[in-house]
PDB file of N, CA and C in Angstrom:
ATOM      1  N   MET A   1      42.171 -62.577 -18.980  1.00  0.00           N
ATOM      2  CA  MET A   1      41.799 -61.857 -20.146  1.00  0.00           C
ATOM      3  C   MET A   1      40.355 -62.031 -20.451  1.00  0.00           C
ATOM      4  N   MET A   2      39.702 -60.903 -20.939  1.00  0.00           N
ATOM      5  CA  MET A   2      38.290 -60.848 -21.151  1.00  0.00           C
ATOM      6  C   MET A   2      37.917 -61.410 -22.627  1.00  0.00           C
ATOM      7  N   ASN A   3      36.835 -62.088 -22.740  1.00  0.00           N
ATOM      8  CA  ASN A   3      36.333 -62.516 -23.975  1.00  0.00           C
ATOM      9  C   ASN A   3      36.143 -61.418 -24.873  1.00  0.00           C
ATOM     10  N   PRO A   4      36.496 -61.350 -26.199  1.00  0.00           N
ATOM     11  CA  PRO A   4      36.283 -60.314 -27.048  1.00  0.00           C
ATOM     12  C   PRO A   4      34.806 -59.957 -27.213  1.00  0.00           C
ATOM     13  N   HIS A   5      33.973 -60.830 -27.255  1.00  0.00           N
ATOM     14  CA  HIS A   5      32.508 -60.536 -27.299  1.00  0.00           C
ATOM     15  C   HIS A   5      32.044 -59.825 -26.085  1.00  0.00           C
ATOM     16  N   ARG A   6      32.520 -60.239 -24.963  1.00  0.00           N
ATOM     17  CA  ARG A   6      32.080 -59.562 -23.773  1.00  0.00           C
ATOM     18  C   ARG A   6      32.660 -58.191 -23.628  1.00  0.00           C
ATOM     19  N   ARG A   7      33.801 -57.944 -24.187  1.00  0.00           N
ATOM     20  CA  ARG A   7      34.453 -56.611 -24.149  1.00  0.00           C
ATOM     21  C   ARG A   7      33.657 -55.687 -25.083  1.00  0.00           C
ATOM     22  N   LYS A   8      33.172 -56.145 -26.190  1.00  0.00           N
ATOM     23  CA  LYS A   8      32.297 -55.375 -27.129  1.00  0.00           C
ATOM     24  C   LYS A   8      31.068 -54.992 -26.404  1.00  0.00           C
ATOM     25  N   VAL A   9      30.501 -55.979 -25.714  1.00  0.00           N
ATOM     26  CA  VAL A   9      29.237 -55.640 -24.957  1.00  0.00           C
ATOM     27  C   VAL A   9      29.428 -54.520 -23.928  1.00  0.00           C
ATOM     28  N   PHE A  10      30.636 -54.646 -23.152  1.00  0.00           N
ATOM     29  CA  PHE A  10      30.914 -53.565 -22.233  1.00  0.00           C
ATOM     30  C   PHE A  10      31.084 -52.221 -22.862  1.00  0.00           C
ATOM     31  N   ILE A  11      31.799 -52.165 -24.003  1.00  0.00           N
ATOM     32  CA  ILE A  11      32.069 -51.015 -24.691  1.00  0.00           C
ATOM     33  C   ILE A  11      30.666 -50.417 -25.147  1.00  0.00           C
ATOM     34  N   MET A  12      29.878 -51.272 -25.729  1.00  0.00           N
ATOM     35  CA  MET A  12      28.548 -50.709 -26.256  1.00  0.00           C
ATOM     36  C   MET A  12      27.698 -50.266 -25.039  1.00  0.00           C
ATOM     37  N   LEU A  13      27.803 -50.896 -23.903  1.00  0.00           N
ATOM     38  CA  LEU A  13      27.158 -50.442 -22.708  1.00  0.00           C
ATOM     39  C   LEU A  13      27.606 -49.120 -22.229  1.00  0.00           C
ATOM     40  N   ALA A  14      28.910 -48.873 -22.252  1.00  0.00           N
ATOM     41  CA  ALA A  14      29.590 -47.653 -21.819  1.00  0.00           C
ATOM     42  C   ALA A  14      29.174 -46.451 -22.854  1.00  0.00           C
ATOM     43  N   VAL A  15      29.193 -46.836 -24.123  1.00  0.00           N
ATOM     44  CA  VAL A  15      28.843 -45.810 -25.056  1.00  0.00           C
ATOM     45  C   VAL A  15      27.306 -45.416 -24.979  1.00  0.00           C
ATOM     46  N   SER A  16      26.520 -46.431 -24.791  1.00  0.00           N
ATOM     47  CA  SER A  16      25.042 -46.188 -24.559  1.00  0.00           C
ATOM     48  C   SER A  16      24.780 -45.302 -23.322  1.00  0.00           C
ATOM     49  N   ILE A  17      25.517 -45.574 -22.171  1.00  0.00           N
ATOM     50  CA  ILE A  17      25.303 -44.767 -21.005  1.00  0.00           C
ATOM     51  C   ILE A  17      25.795 -43.371 -21.224  1.00  0.00           C
ATOM     52  N   ALA A  18      26.842 -43.203 -22.046  1.00  0.00           N
ATOM     53  CA  ALA A  18      27.362 -41.817 -22.351  1.00  0.00           C
ATOM     54  C   ALA A  18      26.429 -41.046 -23.166  1.00  0.00           C
ATOM     55  N   VAL A  19      25.802 -41.691 -24.149  1.00  0.00           N
ATOM     56  CA  VAL A  19      24.809 -41.059 -25.109  1.00  0.00           C
ATOM     57  C   VAL A  19      23.627 -40.744 -24.253  1.00  0.00           C
ATOM     58  N   MET A  20      23.139 -41.590 -23.386  1.00  0.00           N
ATOM     59  CA  MET A  20      21.884 -41.348 -22.585  1.00  0.00           C
ATOM     60  C   MET A  20      22.226 -40.113 -21.646  1.00  0.00           C
ATOM     61  N   GLY A  21      23.376 -40.100 -21.076  1.00  0.00           N
ATOM     62  CA  GLY A  21      23.774 -38.996 -20.159  1.00  0.00           C
ATOM     63  C   GLY A  21      23.815 -37.691 -20.973  1.00  0.00           C
ATOM     64  N   THR A  22      24.257 -37.687 -22.141  1.00  0.00           N
ATOM     65  CA  THR A  22      24.289 -36.510 -22.896  1.00  0.00           C
ATOM     66  C   THR A  22      22.883 -36.004 -23.227  1.00  0.00           C
ATOM     67  N   LEU A  23      22.012 -36.846 -23.642  1.00  0.00           N
ATOM     68  CA  LEU A  23      20.641 -36.536 -23.972  1.00  0.00           C
ATOM     69  C   LEU A  23      19.885 -35.978 -22.677  1.00  0.00           C
ATOM     70  N   VAL A  24      20.129 -36.691 -21.587  1.00  0.00           N
ATOM     71  CA  VAL A  24      19.501 -36.211 -20.303  1.00  0.00           C
ATOM     72  C   VAL A  24      20.055 -34.846 -19.935  1.00  0.00           C
ATOM     73  N   GLY A  25      21.249 -34.656 -20.094  1.00  0.00           N
ATOM     74  CA  GLY A  25      21.876 -33.222 -19.843  1.00  0.00           C
ATOM     75  C   GLY A  25      21.296 -32.208 -20.729  1.00  0.00           C
ATOM     76  N   SER A  26      21.170 -32.570 -21.957  1.00  0.00           N
ATOM     77  CA  SER A  26      20.555 -31.679 -22.916  1.00  0.00           C
ATOM     78  C   SER A  26      19.159 -31.186 -22.550  1.00  0.00           C
ATOM     79  N   PHE A  27      18.307 -32.306 -22.284  1.00  0.00           N
ATOM     80  CA  PHE A  27      16.974 -31.980 -21.829  1.00  0.00           C
ATOM     81  C   PHE A  27      16.897 -31.180 -20.569  1.00  0.00           C
ATOM     82  N   LEU A  28      17.764 -31.528 -19.660  1.00  0.00           N
ATOM     83  CA  LEU A  28      17.788 -30.718 -18.401  1.00  0.00           C
ATOM     84  C   LEU A  28      18.079 -29.251 -18.620  1.00  0.00           C
ATOM     85  N   MET A  29      19.119 -28.986 -19.450  1.00  0.00           N
ATOM     86  CA  MET A  29      19.484 -27.606 -19.762  1.00  0.00           C
ATOM     87  C   MET A  29      18.376 -26.910 -20.469  1.00  0.00           C
ATOM     88  N   VAL A  30      17.588 -27.470 -21.394  1.00  0.00           N
ATOM     89  CA  VAL A  30      16.460 -26.880 -22.067  1.00  0.00           C
ATOM     90  C   VAL A  30      15.433 -26.526 -21.019  1.00  0.00           C
ATOM     91  N   ALA A  31      15.182 -27.440 -20.141  1.00  0.00           N
ATOM     92  CA  ALA A  31      14.191 -27.226 -19.088  1.00  0.00           C
ATOM     93  C   ALA A  31      14.522 -26.015 -18.187  1.00  0.00           C
ATOM     94  N   LEU A  32      15.816 -26.008 -17.809  1.00  0.00           N
ATOM     95  CA  LEU A  32      16.391 -24.912 -16.931  1.00  0.00           C
ATOM     96  C   LEU A  32      16.278 -23.556 -17.659  1.00  0.00           C
ATOM     97  N   GLN A  33      16.629 -23.542 -18.903  1.00  0.00           N
ATOM     98  CA  GLN A  33      16.621 -22.323 -19.640  1.00  0.00           C
ATOM     99  C   GLN A  33      15.195 -21.782 -19.726  1.00  0.00           C
ATOM    100  N   HIS A  34      14.250 -22.750 -20.033  1.00  0.00           N
ATOM    101  CA  HIS A  34      12.865 -22.304 -20.109  1.00  0.00           C
ATOM    102  C   HIS A  34      12.332 -21.757 -18.796  1.00  0.00           C
ATOM    103  N   TYR A  35      12.682 -22.406 -17.674  1.00  0.00           N
ATOM    104  CA  TYR A  35      12.347 -21.972 -16.444  1.00  0.00           C
ATOM    105  C   TYR A  35      12.919 -20.588 -16.131  1.00  0.00           C
ATOM    106  N   ALA A  36      14.100 -20.311 -16.397  1.00  0.00           N
ATOM    107  CA  ALA A  36      14.776 -19.086 -16.186  1.00  0.00           C
ATOM    108  C   ALA A  36      14.162 -17.971 -17.083  1.00  0.00           C
ATOM    109  N   GLN A  37      13.811 -18.294 -18.316  1.00  0.00           N
ATOM    110  CA  GLN A  37      13.264 -17.325 -19.130  1.00  0.00           C
ATOM    111  C   GLN A  37      11.900 -16.877 -18.658  1.00  0.00           C
ATOM    112  N   ARG A  38      11.009 -17.888 -18.198  1.00  0.00           N
ATOM    113  CA  ARG A  38       9.751 -17.649 -17.664  1.00  0.00           C
ATOM    114  C   ARG A  38       9.878 -16.803 -16.383  1.00  0.00           C
ATOM    115  N   ALA A  39      10.766 -17.163 -15.515  1.00  0.00           N
ATOM    116  CA  ALA A  39      10.992 -16.340 -14.344  1.00  0.00           C
ATOM    117  C   ALA A  39      11.336 -14.903 -14.613  1.00  0.00           C
ATOM    118  N   ALA A  40      12.221 -14.727 -15.629  1.00  0.00           N
ATOM    119  CA  ALA A  40      12.568 -13.320 -15.998  1.00  0.00           C
ATOM    120  C   ALA A  40      11.336 -12.556 -16.525  1.00  0.00           C
ATOM    121  N   ALA A  41      10.614 -13.221 -17.287  1.00  0.00           N
ATOM    122  CA  ALA A  41       9.411 -12.578 -17.930  1.00  0.00           C
ATOM    123  C   ALA A  41       8.341 -12.190 -16.818  1.00  0.00           C
ATOM    124  N   GLU A  42       8.161 -13.051 -15.844  1.00  0.00           N
ATOM    125  CA  GLU A  42       7.286 -12.805 -14.689  1.00  0.00           C
ATOM    126  C   GLU A  42       7.940 -11.602 -13.844  1.00  0.00           C
ATOM    127  N   SER A  43       9.178 -11.590 -13.669  1.00  0.00           N
ATOM    128  CA  SER A  43       9.782 -10.538 -12.955  1.00  0.00           C
ATOM    129  C   SER A  43       9.524  -9.239 -13.689  1.00  0.00           C
ATOM    130  N   SER A  44       9.804  -9.193 -14.969  1.00  0.00           N
ATOM    131  CA  SER A  44       9.579  -7.917 -15.745  1.00  0.00           C
ATOM    132  C   SER A  44       8.184  -7.505 -15.679  1.00  0.00           C
ATOM    133  N   ALA A  45       7.229  -8.456 -15.810  1.00  0.00           N
ATOM    134  CA  ALA A  45       5.787  -8.063 -15.776  1.00  0.00           C
ATOM    135  C   ALA A  45       5.434  -7.521 -14.370  1.00  0.00           C
ATOM    136  N   ARG A  46       5.954  -7.956 -13.251  1.00  0.00           N
ATOM    137  CA  ARG A  46       5.811  -7.490 -11.924  1.00  0.00           C
ATOM    138  C   ARG A  46       6.277  -6.077 -11.795  1.00  0.00           C
ATOM    139  N   ARG A  47       7.495  -5.872 -12.349  1.00  0.00           N
ATOM    140  CA  ARG A  47       8.290  -4.597 -12.305  1.00  0.00           C
ATOM    141  C   ARG A  47       7.357  -3.553 -13.105  1.00  0.00           C
ATOM    142  N   THR A  48       6.954  -3.998 -14.277  1.00  0.00           N
ATOM    143  CA  THR A  48       6.051  -3.082 -15.025  1.00  0.00           C
ATOM    144  C   THR A  48       4.720  -2.683 -14.410  1.00  0.00           C
ATOM    145  N   ALA A  49       4.156  -3.710 -13.755  1.00  0.00           N
ATOM    146  CA  ALA A  49       2.922  -3.399 -13.079  1.00  0.00           C
ATOM    147  C   ALA A  49       3.138  -2.467 -11.841  1.00  0.00           C
ATOM    148  N   GLY A  50       4.232  -2.652 -11.183  1.00  0.00           N
ATOM    149  CA  GLY A  50       4.621  -1.826 -10.078  1.00  0.00           C
ATOM    150  C   GLY A  50       4.858  -0.399 -10.597  1.00  0.00           C
ATOM    151  N   LEU A  51       5.503  -0.205 -11.605  1.00  0.00           N
ATOM    152  CA  LEU A  51       5.799   1.164 -12.219  1.00  0.00           C
ATOM    153  C   LEU A  51       4.430   1.792 -12.666  1.00  0.00           C
ATOM    154  N   ASP A  52       3.605   0.980 -13.215  1.00  0.00           N
ATOM    155  CA  ASP A  52       2.229   1.488 -13.646  1.00  0.00           C
ATOM    156  C   ASP A  52       1.483   1.928 -12.365  1.00  0.00           C
ATOM    157  N   ALA A  53       1.535   1.210 -11.350  1.00  0.00           N
ATOM    158  CA  ALA A  53       0.764   1.474 -10.120  1.00  0.00           C
ATOM    159  C   ALA A  53       1.323   2.790  -9.530  1.00  0.00           C
ATOM    160  N   VAL A  54       2.626   2.988  -9.503  1.00  0.00           N
ATOM    161  CA  VAL A  54       3.183   4.214  -8.930  1.00  0.00           C
ATOM    162  C   VAL A  54       2.741   5.449  -9.872  1.00  0.00           C
ATOM    163  N   ALA A  55       2.839   5.254 -11.180  1.00  0.00           N
ATOM    164  CA  ALA A  55       2.430   6.358 -12.141  1.00  0.00           C
ATOM    165  C   ALA A  55       0.984   6.681 -11.898  1.00  0.00           C
ATOM    166  N   ASP A  56       0.040   5.721 -11.769  1.00  0.00           N
ATOM    167  CA  ASP A  56      -1.351   5.994 -11.457  1.00  0.00           C
ATOM    168  C   ASP A  56      -1.520   6.747 -10.184  1.00  0.00           C
ATOM    169  N   LEU A  57      -0.923   6.266  -9.176  1.00  0.00           N
ATOM    170  CA  LEU A  57      -0.957   7.021  -7.887  1.00  0.00           C
ATOM    171  C   LEU A  57      -0.443   8.380  -8.044  1.00  0.00           C
ATOM    172  N   SER A  58       0.578   8.612  -8.691  1.00  0.00           N
ATOM    173  CA  SER A  58       1.138  10.014  -8.876  1.00  0.00           C
ATOM    174  C   SER A  58       0.049  10.898  -9.548  1.00  0.00           C
ATOM    175  N   VAL A  59      -0.594  10.327 -10.633  1.00  0.00           N
ATOM    176  CA  VAL A  59      -1.508  11.130 -11.349  1.00  0.00           C
ATOM    177  C   VAL A  59      -2.723  11.385 -10.279  1.00  0.00           C
ATOM    178  N   ALA A  60      -3.204  10.448  -9.615  1.00  0.00           N
ATOM    179  CA  ALA A  60      -4.371  10.586  -8.683  1.00  0.00           C
ATOM    180  C   ALA A  60      -3.991  11.687  -7.599  1.00  0.00           C
ATOM    181  N   LEU A  61      -2.814  11.549  -7.128  1.00  0.00           N
ATOM    182  CA  LEU A  61      -2.411  12.667  -6.123  1.00  0.00           C
ATOM    183  C   LEU A  61      -2.245  13.998  -6.691  1.00  0.00           C
ATOM    184  N   ALA A  62      -1.805  14.151  -7.923  1.00  0.00           N
ATOM    185  CA  ALA A  62      -1.752  15.432  -8.628  1.00  0.00           C
ATOM    186  C   ALA A  62      -3.236  16.043  -8.853  1.00  0.00           C
ATOM    187  N   ASP A  63      -4.056  15.035  -9.311  1.00  0.00           N
ATOM    188  CA  ASP A  63      -5.427  15.469  -9.456  1.00  0.00           C
ATOM    189  C   ASP A  63      -6.130  15.901  -8.185  1.00  0.00           C
ATOM    190  N   HIS A  64      -5.894  15.246  -7.122  1.00  0.00           N
ATOM    191  CA  HIS A  64      -6.487  15.505  -5.822  1.00  0.00           C
ATOM    192  C   HIS A  64      -5.869  16.919  -5.308  1.00  0.00           C
ATOM    193  N   ARG A  65      -4.679  17.080  -5.531  1.00  0.00           N
ATOM    194  CA  ARG A  65      -4.034  18.326  -5.155  1.00  0.00           C
ATOM    195  C   ARG A  65      -4.645  19.483  -5.918  1.00  0.00           C
ATOM    196  N   ARG A  66      -4.827  19.322  -7.162  1.00  0.00           N
ATOM    197  CA  ARG A  66      -5.369  20.371  -8.062  1.00  0.00           C
ATOM    198  C   ARG A  66      -6.843  20.656  -7.531  1.00  0.00           C
ATOM    199  N   ALA A  67      -7.652  19.496  -7.245  1.00  0.00           N
ATOM    200  CA  ALA A  67      -9.033  19.790  -6.783  1.00  0.00           C
ATOM    201  C   ALA A  67      -9.094  20.520  -5.402  1.00  0.00           C
ATOM    202  N   MET A  68      -8.212  20.241  -4.570  1.00  0.00           N
ATOM    203  CA  MET A  68      -8.021  20.944  -3.282  1.00  0.00           C
ATOM    204  C   MET A  68      -7.691  22.337  -3.526  1.00  0.00           C
ATOM    205  N   LEU A  69      -6.838  22.668  -4.429  1.00  0.00           N
ATOM    206  CA  LEU A  69      -6.487  24.063  -4.761  1.00  0.00           C
ATOM    207  C   LEU A  69      -7.697  24.844  -5.254  1.00  0.00           C
ATOM    208  N   VAL A  70      -8.448  24.188  -6.219  1.00  0.00           N
ATOM    209  CA  VAL A  70      -9.603  24.881  -6.788  1.00  0.00           C
ATOM    210  C   VAL A  70     -10.647  25.082  -5.713  1.00  0.00           C
ATOM    211  N   ARG A  71     -10.855  24.074  -4.871  1.00  0.00           N
ATOM    212  CA  ARG A  71     -11.822  24.231  -3.748  1.00  0.00           C
ATOM    213  C   ARG A  71     -11.439  25.444  -2.848  1.00  0.00           C
ATOM    214  N   GLU A  72     -10.200  25.434  -2.522  1.00  0.00           N
ATOM    215  CA  GLU A  72      -9.730  26.545  -1.602  1.00  0.00           C
ATOM    216  C   GLU A  72      -9.869  27.951  -2.240  1.00  0.00           C
ATOM    217  N   GLU A  73      -9.578  27.978  -3.605  1.00  0.00           N
ATOM    218  CA  GLU A  73      -9.760  29.338  -4.323  1.00  0.00           C
ATOM    219  C   GLU A  73     -11.099  29.732  -4.288  1.00  0.00           C
ATOM    220  N   ILE A  74     -12.111  28.701  -4.465  1.00  0.00           N
ATOM    221  CA  ILE A  74     -13.518  29.085  -4.454  1.00  0.00           C
ATOM    222  C   ILE A  74     -13.954  29.567  -3.075  1.00  0.00           C
ATOM    223  N   ARG A  75     -13.441  28.897  -2.025  1.00  0.00           N
ATOM    224  CA  ARG A  75     -13.712  29.321  -0.666  1.00  0.00           C
ATOM    225  C   ARG A  75     -13.293  30.624  -0.412  1.00  0.00           C
ATOM    226  N   LEU A  76     -12.058  30.901  -0.815  1.00  0.00           N
ATOM    227  CA  LEU A  76     -11.461  32.243  -0.543  1.00  0.00           C
ATOM    228  C   LEU A  76     -12.134  33.406  -1.372  1.00  0.00           C
ATOM    229  N   ALA A  77     -12.667  33.025  -2.510  1.00  0.00           N
ATOM    230  CA  ALA A  77     -13.352  33.908  -3.371  1.00  0.00           C
ATOM    231  C   ALA A  77     -14.633  34.353  -2.819  1.00  0.00           C
ATOM    232  N   GLY A  78     -15.121  33.567  -1.887  1.00  0.00           N
ATOM    233  CA  GLY A  78     -16.315  34.020  -1.201  1.00  0.00           C
ATOM    234  C   GLY A  78     -17.604  33.272  -1.441  1.00  0.00           C
ATOM    235  N   GLY A  79     -17.449  32.205  -2.153  1.00  0.00           N
ATOM    236  CA  GLY A  79     -18.786  31.443  -2.342  1.00  0.00           C
ATOM    237  C   GLY A  79     -18.622  30.376  -3.355  1.00  0.00           C
ATOM    238  N   ALA A  80     -19.762  29.600  -3.472  1.00  0.00           N
ATOM    239  CA  ALA A  80     -19.908  28.514  -4.435  1.00  0.00           C
ATOM    240  C   ALA A  80     -20.309  29.019  -5.726  1.00  0.00           C
ATOM    241  N   GLY A  81     -20.838  30.241  -5.947  1.00  0.00           N
ATOM    242  CA  GLY A  81     -21.182  30.774  -7.242  1.00  0.00           C
ATOM    243  C   GLY A  81     -19.949  31.251  -8.036  1.00  0.00           C
ATOM    244  N   MET A  82     -18.880  31.452  -7.344  1.00  0.00           N
ATOM    245  CA  MET A  82     -17.713  32.038  -8.022  1.00  0.00           C
ATOM    246  C   MET A  82     -16.833  30.918  -8.607  1.00  0.00           C
ATOM    247  N   ARG A  83     -16.204  31.196  -9.667  1.00  0.00           N
ATOM    248  CA  ARG A  83     -15.288  30.236 -10.333  1.00  0.00           C
ATOM    249  C   ARG A  83     -13.890  30.794 -10.253  1.00  0.00           C
ATOM    250  N   PRO A  84     -12.930  29.967  -9.997  1.00  0.00           N
ATOM    251  CA  PRO A  84     -11.596  30.443  -9.903  1.00  0.00           C
ATOM    252  C   PRO A  84     -11.035  30.627 -11.325  1.00  0.00           C
ATOM    253  N   VAL A  85     -10.088  31.402 -11.416  1.00  0.00           N
ATOM    254  CA  VAL A  85      -9.427  31.708 -12.645  1.00  0.00           C
ATOM    255  C   VAL A  85      -8.548  30.479 -13.004  1.00  0.00           C
ATOM    256  N   PRO A  86      -8.731  29.942 -14.253  1.00  0.00           N
ATOM    257  CA  PRO A  86      -8.038  28.741 -14.772  1.00  0.00           C
ATOM    258  C   PRO A  86      -6.486  29.025 -14.734  1.00  0.00           C
ATOM    259  N   ARG A  87      -5.813  28.038 -14.329  1.00  0.00           N
ATOM    260  CA  ARG A  87      -4.349  28.141 -14.241  1.00  0.00           C
ATOM    261  C   ARG A  87      -3.824  27.187 -15.297  1.00  0.00           C
ATOM    262  N   ALA A  88      -2.670  27.558 -15.821  1.00  0.00           N
ATOM    263  CA  ALA A  88      -1.860  26.670 -16.693  1.00  0.00           C
ATOM    264  C   ALA A  88      -1.295  25.612 -15.874  1.00  0.00           C
ATOM    265  N   THR A  89      -1.444  24.404 -16.314  1.00  0.00           N
ATOM    266  CA  THR A  89      -0.937  23.215 -15.534  1.00  0.00           C
ATOM    267  C   THR A  89       0.432  22.795 -16.161  1.00  0.00           C
TER     268      THR A  89
END
């Protein structure tokens, strides 16, 4: 049979280990949630930057296409002094 004082010490030790484990688990979960939230924000920022780049490229291609159309209309009109008729875009 175990000494009552020794038994109390073991119980206190077990309780202390359980509390420490709970605290460590809580801190670990907070750290993991913070990491996941940061990763999601970075992913969203990359996605937004990618969409902005595609939109900018689309605008640049449309502008280039319009410039080539105007250039060809001037060429077909017979010279550099002629201006093409403005078109609705």
